[in-house]
Protein backbone atom coordinates (compact mmCIF):
# COMPACT_ATOMS: atom_id res chain seq x y z
CA MET A 1 13.89 -22.56 35.26
CA ALA A 2 10.47 -21.01 35.12
CA SER A 3 9.89 -18.15 37.48
CA LEU A 4 7.22 -18.38 40.22
CA SER A 5 4.97 -15.84 38.34
CA GLU A 6 4.90 -17.91 35.08
CA GLU A 7 1.97 -20.22 34.42
CA VAL A 8 2.95 -23.60 33.00
CA LEU A 9 0.26 -24.85 30.51
CA LEU A 10 1.83 -28.13 29.38
CA VAL A 11 4.79 -30.30 30.41
CA VAL A 12 6.03 -33.01 28.02
CA LYS A 13 8.81 -35.35 29.23
CA ARG A 14 11.39 -37.31 27.21
CA VAL A 15 11.80 -34.74 24.52
CA ARG A 16 15.13 -34.67 22.71
CA GLN A 17 16.86 -31.58 21.42
CA ARG A 18 20.15 -32.11 19.62
CA LYS A 19 20.32 -35.77 20.81
CA GLN A 20 19.97 -34.83 24.45
CA ASP A 21 16.97 -35.85 26.52
CA GLY A 22 15.00 -33.29 28.46
CA THR A 23 11.65 -31.81 29.28
CA LEU A 24 9.49 -29.43 27.19
CA TYR A 25 7.54 -26.68 28.91
CA LEU A 26 4.77 -24.59 27.32
CA MET A 27 4.14 -21.57 29.48
CA ALA A 28 1.92 -18.54 29.18
CA GLU A 29 4.27 -16.42 27.07
CA ARG A 30 7.13 -18.69 25.95
CA ILE A 31 8.12 -22.27 25.18
CA ALA A 32 11.22 -23.65 26.82
CA TRP A 33 13.28 -26.88 27.02
CA GLY A 34 15.62 -27.99 29.68
CA PRO A 35 17.98 -30.95 29.82
CA GLU A 36 17.50 -33.68 32.40
CA GLY A 37 19.29 -33.20 35.72
CA LYS A 38 19.76 -29.46 35.30
CA ASP A 39 17.78 -26.57 36.72
CA ARG A 40 17.99 -24.16 33.83
CA PHE A 41 16.58 -23.81 30.29
CA THR A 42 18.95 -24.07 27.32
CA VAL A 43 16.24 -23.36 24.82
CA SER A 44 13.66 -20.57 25.30
CA HIS A 45 11.56 -18.83 22.69
CA LEU A 46 8.88 -16.25 23.15
CA TYR A 47 5.67 -16.95 21.24
CA ALA A 48 5.95 -13.49 19.64
CA ASP A 49 9.31 -14.59 18.09
CA ILE A 50 7.91 -17.74 16.51
CA ARG A 51 6.80 -17.43 12.88
CA CYS A 52 5.33 -20.86 12.44
CA GLN A 53 5.54 -24.54 13.39
CA LYS A 54 6.13 -27.64 11.34
CA ILE A 55 5.60 -31.30 12.10
CA SER A 56 7.13 -34.39 10.61
CA PRO A 57 4.86 -36.29 8.08
CA ASP A 58 3.07 -39.47 9.15
CA GLY A 59 5.03 -42.64 8.66
CA LYS A 60 8.39 -41.17 9.63
CA ALA A 61 10.47 -42.92 12.19
CA LYS A 62 11.03 -39.76 14.24
CA ILE A 63 8.05 -37.83 15.50
CA GLN A 64 9.28 -34.24 15.41
CA LEU A 65 8.05 -30.69 15.84
CA GLN A 66 10.07 -27.74 14.42
CA LEU A 67 9.72 -24.07 15.40
CA VAL A 68 10.69 -21.48 12.78
CA LEU A 69 11.55 -18.00 14.08
CA HIS A 70 11.19 -14.63 12.44
CA THR A 71 14.97 -14.43 12.18
CA GLY A 72 15.09 -17.52 9.99
CA GLU A 73 16.48 -19.79 12.64
CA SER A 74 14.77 -23.08 13.68
CA THR A 75 14.61 -25.37 16.62
CA THR A 76 13.56 -29.06 16.30
CA PHE A 77 12.19 -31.18 19.19
CA HIS A 78 12.11 -34.97 18.94
CA PHE A 79 9.45 -36.71 21.03
CA ALA A 80 11.20 -39.93 22.15
CA ASN A 81 8.49 -41.58 24.29
CA GLU A 82 7.51 -44.53 22.20
CA SER A 83 4.01 -45.09 23.75
CA THR A 84 2.81 -41.45 23.82
CA ALA A 85 5.07 -39.67 21.35
CA LEU A 86 2.44 -38.99 18.74
CA LYS A 87 -0.09 -37.90 21.38
CA ASP A 88 2.35 -35.55 23.00
CA ARG A 89 3.37 -34.01 19.71
CA ASP A 90 -0.25 -33.44 18.70
CA ALA A 91 -1.07 -31.89 22.14
CA THR A 92 1.84 -29.52 21.80
CA LYS A 93 0.92 -28.65 18.24
CA GLU A 94 -2.67 -27.92 19.10
CA LEU A 95 -1.74 -25.68 22.06
CA LEU A 96 0.71 -23.76 19.88
CA GLN A 97 -1.98 -23.24 17.30
CA GLN A 98 -4.05 -21.45 19.88
CA LEU A 99 -1.29 -19.38 21.44
CA LEU A 100 0.70 -18.22 18.37
CA PRO A 101 -2.00 -16.13 16.66
CA LYS A 102 -2.63 -14.20 19.91
CA PHE A 103 0.98 -13.20 20.42
CA LYS A 104 1.56 -12.44 16.70
CA LYS A 105 -1.25 -9.86 16.79
CA LYS A 106 0.15 -8.43 20.01
CA ALA A 107 3.78 -8.23 18.58
CA ASN A 108 2.62 -6.55 15.38
CA LYS A 109 0.51 -4.11 17.29
CA GLU A 110 3.37 -3.17 19.63
CA LEU A 111 5.81 -2.76 16.71
CA GLU A 112 3.36 -0.43 14.89
CA GLU A 113 2.94 1.65 17.99
CA LYS A 114 6.70 1.97 18.49
CA ASN A 115 7.20 3.02 14.90
CA ARG A 116 4.47 5.55 15.14
CA MET A 117 5.80 7.09 18.36
CA LEU A 118 9.32 7.46 16.91
CA GLN A 119 7.97 9.08 13.71
CA GLU A 120 5.77 11.55 15.48
CA ASP A 121 8.26 12.60 18.20
CA PRO A 122 11.73 13.68 16.92
CA VAL A 123 12.95 14.18 20.44
CA LEU A 124 12.02 10.63 21.39
CA PHE A 125 13.75 9.33 18.30
CA GLN A 126 16.92 11.10 19.12
CA LEU A 127 16.73 9.86 22.68
CA TYR A 128 16.23 6.33 21.37
CA LYS A 129 19.40 6.60 19.22
CA ASP A 130 21.38 7.98 22.14
CA LEU A 131 20.36 5.38 24.64
CA VAL A 132 19.44 2.21 22.77
CA VAL A 133 21.56 2.38 19.67
CA SER A 134 24.60 3.25 21.76
CA GLN A 135 23.75 0.30 24.04
CA VAL A 136 23.42 2.35 27.18
CA ILE A 137 20.15 0.56 28.00
CA SER A 138 18.17 -2.23 26.35
CA ALA A 139 15.16 -1.74 24.12
CA GLU A 140 12.86 -3.42 26.63
CA GLU A 141 13.87 -0.98 29.35
CA PHE A 142 13.36 1.97 27.01
CA TRP A 143 9.87 0.99 26.00
CA ALA A 144 8.78 -0.34 29.44
CA ASN A 145 6.94 2.80 30.64
CA ARG A 146 6.38 4.66 27.38
CA LEU A 147 4.11 2.04 25.72
CA SER A 148 1.90 1.80 28.82
CA LEU A 149 1.42 5.67 29.01
CA ASN A 150 0.91 6.02 25.31
CA SER A 151 -1.62 3.13 24.91
CA VAL A 152 -4.35 5.00 26.83
CA GLU A 153 -4.04 8.11 24.63
CA HIS A 154 -4.54 6.21 21.37
CA SER A 155 -7.07 3.60 22.47
CA LEU A 156 -10.00 5.42 21.03
CA SER A 157 -8.34 6.03 17.73
CA ASN A 158 -7.37 2.43 17.35
CA ASN A 159 -10.89 1.20 18.05
CA ASN A 160 -12.12 2.64 14.73
CA LYS A 161 -9.17 1.29 12.73
CA GLN A 162 -10.14 -1.09 10.00
CA GLU A 163 -8.80 -4.60 10.16
CA VAL A 164 -6.19 -5.60 7.70
CA GLY A 165 -7.54 -7.73 4.82
CA ILE A 166 -6.48 -11.14 3.57
CA SER A 167 -4.62 -11.68 0.36
CA ALA A 168 -6.58 -13.43 -2.39
CA ALA A 169 -3.66 -15.85 -2.91
CA PHE A 170 -3.23 -17.00 0.62
CA LEU A 171 -3.92 -20.60 -0.41
CA ALA A 172 -0.99 -20.48 -2.82
CA ASP A 173 1.44 -20.71 0.22
CA ILE A 174 0.14 -24.22 0.99
CA ARG A 175 2.05 -25.83 -1.86
CA PRO A 176 0.67 -29.42 -1.88
CA GLN A 177 3.26 -32.22 -2.32
CA THR A 178 2.72 -35.75 -3.36
CA ASP A 179 3.15 -38.37 -0.63
CA GLY A 180 4.23 -41.16 -3.04
CA CYS A 181 0.89 -43.04 -2.80
CA ASN A 182 -1.16 -41.02 -5.37
CA GLY A 183 -2.08 -38.54 -2.62
CA LEU A 184 -1.41 -34.93 -1.72
CA ARG A 185 0.07 -33.53 1.51
CA TYR A 186 -0.78 -29.96 2.57
CA ASN A 187 1.33 -28.01 5.04
CA LEU A 188 -1.04 -25.77 7.01
CA THR A 189 0.29 -23.07 9.33
CA THR A 190 -1.65 -21.10 11.93
CA ASP A 191 -1.71 -18.05 9.58
CA ILE A 192 -3.27 -20.09 6.76
CA ILE A 193 -5.82 -21.68 9.03
CA GLU A 194 -6.81 -18.27 10.47
CA SER A 195 -7.10 -16.84 6.87
CA ILE A 196 -9.37 -19.76 5.92
CA PHE A 197 -11.58 -19.11 8.98
CA ARG A 198 -11.85 -15.41 8.20
CA THR A 199 -12.57 -16.08 4.46
CA TYR A 200 -15.03 -18.87 5.05
CA PRO A 201 -16.84 -18.28 8.42
CA THR A 202 -19.02 -21.39 7.84
CA VAL A 203 -15.80 -23.52 7.85
CA LYS A 204 -14.87 -22.07 11.26
CA GLN A 205 -18.30 -23.08 12.49
CA LYS A 206 -17.94 -26.62 11.16
CA TYR A 207 -14.51 -26.86 12.85
CA ALA A 208 -15.93 -25.92 16.17
CA GLU A 209 -18.79 -28.43 15.76
CA ASN A 210 -16.68 -31.44 14.71
CA VAL A 211 -13.10 -31.11 16.06
CA PRO A 212 -11.99 -32.93 18.18
CA HIS A 213 -15.02 -34.91 19.45
CA ASN A 214 -16.29 -36.09 16.01
CA MET A 215 -13.07 -36.26 13.98
CA THR A 216 -9.39 -35.32 14.22
CA GLU A 217 -7.99 -32.10 12.89
CA LYS A 218 -6.14 -33.90 10.12
CA GLU A 219 -9.32 -35.68 8.96
CA PHE A 220 -11.19 -32.39 9.04
CA TRP A 221 -8.77 -30.55 6.71
CA THR A 222 -8.54 -33.62 4.49
CA ARG A 223 -12.32 -33.49 3.96
CA PHE A 224 -12.23 -29.78 3.44
CA PHE A 225 -9.74 -29.90 0.54
CA GLN A 226 -11.78 -32.75 -0.95
CA SER A 227 -15.15 -31.14 -0.44
CA HIS A 228 -17.47 -29.59 -2.98
CA TYR A 229 -17.28 -26.32 -0.93
CA PHE A 230 -13.58 -25.98 -1.70
CA HIS A 231 -13.95 -26.98 -5.33
CA ARG A 232 -16.76 -24.69 -6.36
CA ASP A 233 -16.70 -25.70 -9.96
CA ARG A 234 -17.99 -29.23 -9.10
CA ILE A 235 -21.63 -29.91 -9.91
CA ASN A 236 -22.37 -33.08 -7.90
CA THR A 237 -22.08 -32.95 -4.11
CA GLY A 238 -21.21 -36.04 -2.13
CA LEU A 239 -23.65 -37.29 0.50
CA GLN A 240 -20.87 -37.68 3.13
CA ASP A 241 -19.67 -34.05 2.59
CA ILE A 242 -19.95 -32.25 5.94
CA PHE A 243 -19.47 -28.93 4.00
CA SER A 244 -22.61 -29.34 1.82
CA GLU A 245 -24.50 -26.89 4.06
CA CYS A 246 -21.77 -24.22 3.92
CA ALA A 247 -22.74 -23.19 0.36
CA LYS A 248 -26.39 -22.92 1.35
CA GLU A 249 -25.48 -20.79 4.40
CA ASP A 250 -23.40 -18.46 2.14
CA GLU A 251 -26.31 -18.17 -0.31
CA LYS A 252 -28.60 -17.20 2.60
CA GLY A 253 -26.14 -14.63 3.72
CA LEU A 254 -25.87 -13.36 0.14
CA LYS A 255 -29.60 -12.99 -0.20
CA SER A 256 -29.80 -11.07 3.10
CA MET A 257 -27.11 -8.71 1.87
CA VAL A 258 -29.04 -8.19 -1.45
CA THR A 259 -32.24 -7.32 0.51
CA GLN A 260 -30.33 -4.80 2.60
CA GLY A 261 -28.83 -3.28 -0.61
CA VAL A 262 -25.29 -2.61 -1.65
CA LYS A 263 -24.62 1.01 -2.74
CA ASN A 264 -22.19 0.16 -5.44
CA PRO A 265 -23.36 0.32 -9.07
CA MET A 266 -20.27 -1.71 -10.20
CA VAL A 267 -21.36 -4.77 -8.18
CA ASP A 268 -24.45 -6.73 -9.26
CA LEU A 269 -24.98 -9.55 -6.78
CA LEU A 270 -28.06 -10.90 -8.63
CA SER A 271 -26.34 -11.47 -11.99
CA LEU A 272 -25.36 -15.14 -12.35
CA GLU A 273 -24.76 -15.31 -16.10
CA ASP A 274 -21.58 -14.87 -18.16
CA LYS A 275 -22.75 -12.39 -20.81
CA THR A 276 -20.54 -12.39 -23.94
CA LEU A 277 -21.63 -9.83 -26.57
CA ASP A 278 -20.32 -11.62 -29.71
CA GLU A 279 -21.25 -15.18 -28.71
CA GLY A 280 -23.68 -16.79 -31.11
CA TYR A 281 -24.00 -13.72 -33.29
CA GLY A 282 -25.56 -14.54 -36.67
CA THR A 283 -26.57 -18.10 -35.71
CA ALA A 284 -29.91 -19.69 -34.88
CA THR A 285 -31.40 -18.76 -31.54
CA VAL A 286 -32.88 -22.27 -30.96
CA PRO A 287 -30.22 -24.53 -29.46
CA THR A 288 -29.75 -28.07 -30.73
CA THR A 289 -30.73 -31.08 -28.63
CA SER A 290 -27.24 -32.64 -28.80
CA ASN A 291 -25.60 -29.68 -27.14
CA SER A 292 -28.29 -28.87 -24.62
CA SER A 293 -26.91 -31.10 -21.91
CA ASN A 294 -23.33 -29.86 -22.27
CA LYS A 295 -24.51 -26.28 -22.25
CA SER A 296 -26.59 -26.78 -19.12
CA LEU A 297 -23.57 -28.31 -17.29
CA ARG A 298 -21.37 -25.40 -18.38
CA GLU A 299 -23.97 -22.86 -17.26
CA ASN A 300 -24.32 -24.57 -13.81
CA SER A 301 -20.52 -24.63 -13.48
CA ASN A 302 -20.29 -20.89 -14.48
CA SER A 303 -23.12 -20.04 -12.12
CA ALA A 304 -21.30 -21.70 -9.16
CA ILE A 305 -18.16 -19.70 -9.88
CA ILE A 306 -20.01 -16.46 -10.32
CA LYS A 307 -21.86 -17.14 -6.99
CA ARG A 308 -18.50 -17.55 -5.30
CA PHE A 309 -17.29 -14.19 -6.70
CA ASN A 310 -20.52 -12.40 -5.77
CA HIS A 311 -20.27 -13.76 -2.21
CA HIS A 312 -16.66 -12.47 -2.00
CA SER A 313 -17.78 -9.08 -3.31
CA ALA A 314 -20.60 -8.96 -0.75
CA MET A 315 -18.20 -9.69 2.10
CA VAL A 316 -15.89 -6.99 0.90
CA SER A 317 -18.73 -4.52 0.74
CA LYS A 318 -19.85 -5.57 4.19
CA ALA A 319 -16.41 -4.83 5.59
CA TYR A 320 -16.71 -1.07 4.76
CA THR A 321 -17.26 1.28 7.64
CA PRO A 322 -18.93 4.68 7.52
CA LEU A 323 -15.53 6.38 8.19
CA ASP A 324 -14.15 4.88 4.96
CA ILE A 325 -16.63 6.56 2.74
CA LEU A 326 -14.94 9.92 2.28
CA THR A 327 -15.67 12.69 -0.23
CA SER A 328 -12.33 12.23 -2.11
CA LEU A 329 -12.91 8.48 -2.45
CA PHE A 330 -16.44 9.06 -3.72
CA VAL A 331 -15.19 11.51 -6.31
CA ALA A 332 -12.56 9.10 -7.49
CA PHE A 333 -15.12 6.37 -7.72
CA GLN A 334 -17.37 8.58 -9.82
CA VAL A 335 -14.51 9.21 -12.20
CA LYS A 336 -13.72 5.58 -12.46
CA LEU A 337 -17.32 4.76 -13.14
CA GLN A 338 -17.54 7.45 -15.88
CA GLU A 339 -14.45 6.01 -17.54
CA ALA A 340 -15.94 2.48 -17.46
CA ILE A 341 -19.24 3.42 -19.06
CA GLU A 342 -18.20 5.99 -21.63
CA TYR A 343 -16.38 5.31 -24.92
CA ASP A 344 -14.25 7.97 -26.70
CA ASP A 345 -15.38 6.73 -30.14
CA LEU A 346 -18.98 7.46 -29.38
CA GLN A 347 -18.40 10.99 -28.07
CA GLY A 348 -19.13 14.03 -30.36
CA ASP A 349 -16.62 16.63 -31.50
CA SER A 350 -18.25 19.38 -29.49
CA GLY A 351 -15.95 18.92 -26.63
CA ARG A 352 -12.76 19.09 -28.74
CA LYS A 353 -10.40 21.75 -27.50
CA THR A 354 -9.17 24.29 -30.08
CA ILE A 355 -6.64 27.08 -30.02
CA SER A 356 -7.83 30.50 -31.17
CA LEU A 357 -5.66 32.61 -33.44
CA ASN A 358 -4.56 35.72 -31.67
CA LEU A 359 -3.18 38.43 -34.03
CA LYS A 360 -1.53 41.52 -32.42
CA LYS A 361 -0.71 43.12 -35.79
CA SER A 362 -3.17 42.07 -38.50
CA ASP A 363 -1.53 44.04 -41.24
CA ARG A 364 1.55 41.75 -41.09
CA TYR A 365 -0.76 38.68 -41.35
CA SER A 366 -2.58 40.22 -44.36
CA HIS A 367 0.44 41.44 -46.40
CA GLY A 368 2.62 38.47 -45.84
CA PRO A 369 6.18 38.40 -44.59
CA ILE A 370 8.26 41.63 -44.72
CA PRO A 371 11.60 41.31 -46.52
CA LEU A 372 14.61 41.88 -44.36
CA GLN A 373 16.42 45.19 -44.74
CA SER A 374 20.06 45.14 -45.82
CA GLN A 375 22.30 45.69 -42.89
CA HIS A 376 26.03 46.39 -42.64
CA TYR A 377 27.99 43.92 -40.49
CA SER A 378 31.31 44.85 -39.04
CA THR A 379 34.13 42.37 -38.86
CA SER A 380 36.41 41.88 -35.92
CA GLN A 381 39.17 43.72 -37.64
CA ASP A 382 37.00 46.78 -38.19
CA ILE A 383 36.21 46.84 -34.47
CA ILE A 384 39.87 46.63 -33.54
CA ASN A 385 40.66 49.47 -35.93
CA SER A 386 37.81 51.63 -34.44
CA ILE A 387 39.09 51.13 -30.89
CA SER A 388 42.66 52.15 -31.87
CA ILE A 389 41.38 55.28 -33.48
CA ILE A 390 39.29 56.20 -30.43
CA GLN A 391 42.32 55.65 -28.22
CA HIS A 392 44.43 57.97 -30.42
CA GLU A 393 41.82 60.68 -30.38
CA MET A 394 41.56 60.48 -26.58
CA ARG A 395 45.35 60.91 -26.19
CA SER A 396 45.34 64.05 -28.24
CA TYR A 397 42.07 65.45 -26.73
CA LYS A 398 42.45 68.96 -25.20
CA PRO A 399 39.35 70.49 -23.50
CA ARG A 400 38.47 74.11 -24.44
CA LEU A 401 36.02 75.12 -21.72
CA THR A 402 36.01 78.85 -22.45
CA GLN A 403 34.80 78.34 -26.00
CA VAL A 404 31.78 76.27 -24.99
CA MET A 405 29.42 79.14 -24.00
CA SER A 406 29.58 82.77 -22.95
CA SER A 407 29.60 83.78 -19.32
CA SER A 408 26.29 85.72 -19.64
CA ALA A 409 24.46 82.68 -21.04
CA ALA A 410 25.85 80.44 -18.32
CA SER A 411 24.80 82.79 -15.52
CA SER A 412 21.35 83.13 -16.99
CA ALA A 413 20.96 79.37 -17.17
CA ILE A 414 22.07 78.99 -13.56
CA THR A 415 19.59 81.66 -12.43
CA ALA A 416 16.77 79.92 -14.27
CA LEU A 417 17.56 76.58 -12.69
CA SER A 418 17.91 77.96 -9.19
CA PRO A 419 15.02 77.84 -6.63
CA GLY A 420 12.55 80.49 -7.56
CA GLY A 421 13.84 80.72 -11.09
CA VAL A 422 11.80 80.60 -14.25
CA LEU A 423 12.46 77.01 -15.00
CA MET A 424 11.57 75.88 -11.50
CA GLN A 425 7.91 77.33 -11.70
CA GLY A 426 6.75 74.86 -14.39
CA GLY A 427 4.53 75.40 -17.35
CA GLU A 428 4.77 75.63 -21.09
CA ILE A 429 6.26 79.12 -21.00
CA GLN A 430 9.15 77.92 -18.97
CA MET A 431 9.74 74.93 -21.12
CA GLN A 432 9.74 77.21 -24.23
CA TYR A 433 12.19 79.55 -22.49
CA LEU A 434 14.44 76.57 -21.82
CA PHE A 435 14.36 75.53 -25.44
CA GLU A 436 15.35 79.07 -26.44
CA ILE A 437 18.28 78.99 -24.02
CA ILE A 438 19.41 75.64 -25.45
CA ILE A 439 19.19 77.01 -28.99
CA ILE A 440 21.24 80.06 -28.00
CA MET A 441 23.89 77.89 -26.38
CA SER A 442 24.13 75.68 -29.45
CA GLU A 443 24.57 78.68 -31.70
CA ASN A 444 27.33 80.06 -29.55
CA THR A 445 29.17 76.84 -29.65
């Protein structure tokens, strides 16, 4: 059962799990279920391990709540109390909607911190493999003290870290389904609701003002998906639309951002027209009266869509921090801007790169190609015959050393080449003397 240090936030009795009655407990860090008559939990999940929750649609015989884990497994709870089943399920769902986002951020932050520590410290990574991978100790014991010591060192660096953005296609995960009565049913998770609140801050404000004292959460989201604020291309706004003021608040925020100024020449927050260069070219400038009403409706619809895009661009520009504007990013932006405003067809030929002709021997270029000289090529048989002749000459070779030079010429040459000799003093006279000795030696041979 729950330990003495755990805080129990909600207790729901008569909850079935796998056709067995029991009690559901929502505590500070986990959700648990225990069968009746036993003092232990058979089902226990940490909030950090839960990916999302799902509920059974209205009109079903069984009122159920399903928990989907990050591992892909799921656990289903059936609320069996007939009088308060729907109320108990909604209370459990609303409490989980508040708890799951908090623990999801905490789990992601801890996982990023662990990965960073292992990548920066090879000794710690080797120790992790020796202890945790080999199952000497558990991962919780390994990270028990290290995360607490390391969190203080990187607290200052994490404060300046930019928050992760939201995908532009986050609403595509809703996947509306027909309910069989000409209606649509949306499956909203805590992640999608949080993304809607971050994308549309005015919707979050309306949620806090109306839920739960003015309307239920289901009715609120039904009105949101039917509202003019969600369908920006609609021209007429309903009188009962609680989101009619949201567009006005966004427009006020857009005007305030425009007055402050956005240092981005690619973003024009004041332009609300779809300018097409070739539209209406060669026709009369005065529009006909029959198409004036249709054109005004189309322009109003286009202006509403462009306002939506401008508001999104303003929010993206507002999310920038001074640390993000680096020199390298600014240079890359200038290059991108230059590519967007310049056309290659309109540029002159002055900047065309040419290769200069570099002639090392101009006489060859002036007189043209020189004909090849006739050369004699030896065959392989000629080379073999030459080798055999050289081998025969070497076998019959007899040196005749006494007939090479006389003894007087040899002694004079040795004297001249000895230290202090004539040839060792340098100069043209000595070189001439050496040539004379060589000539004499050649004549004697």
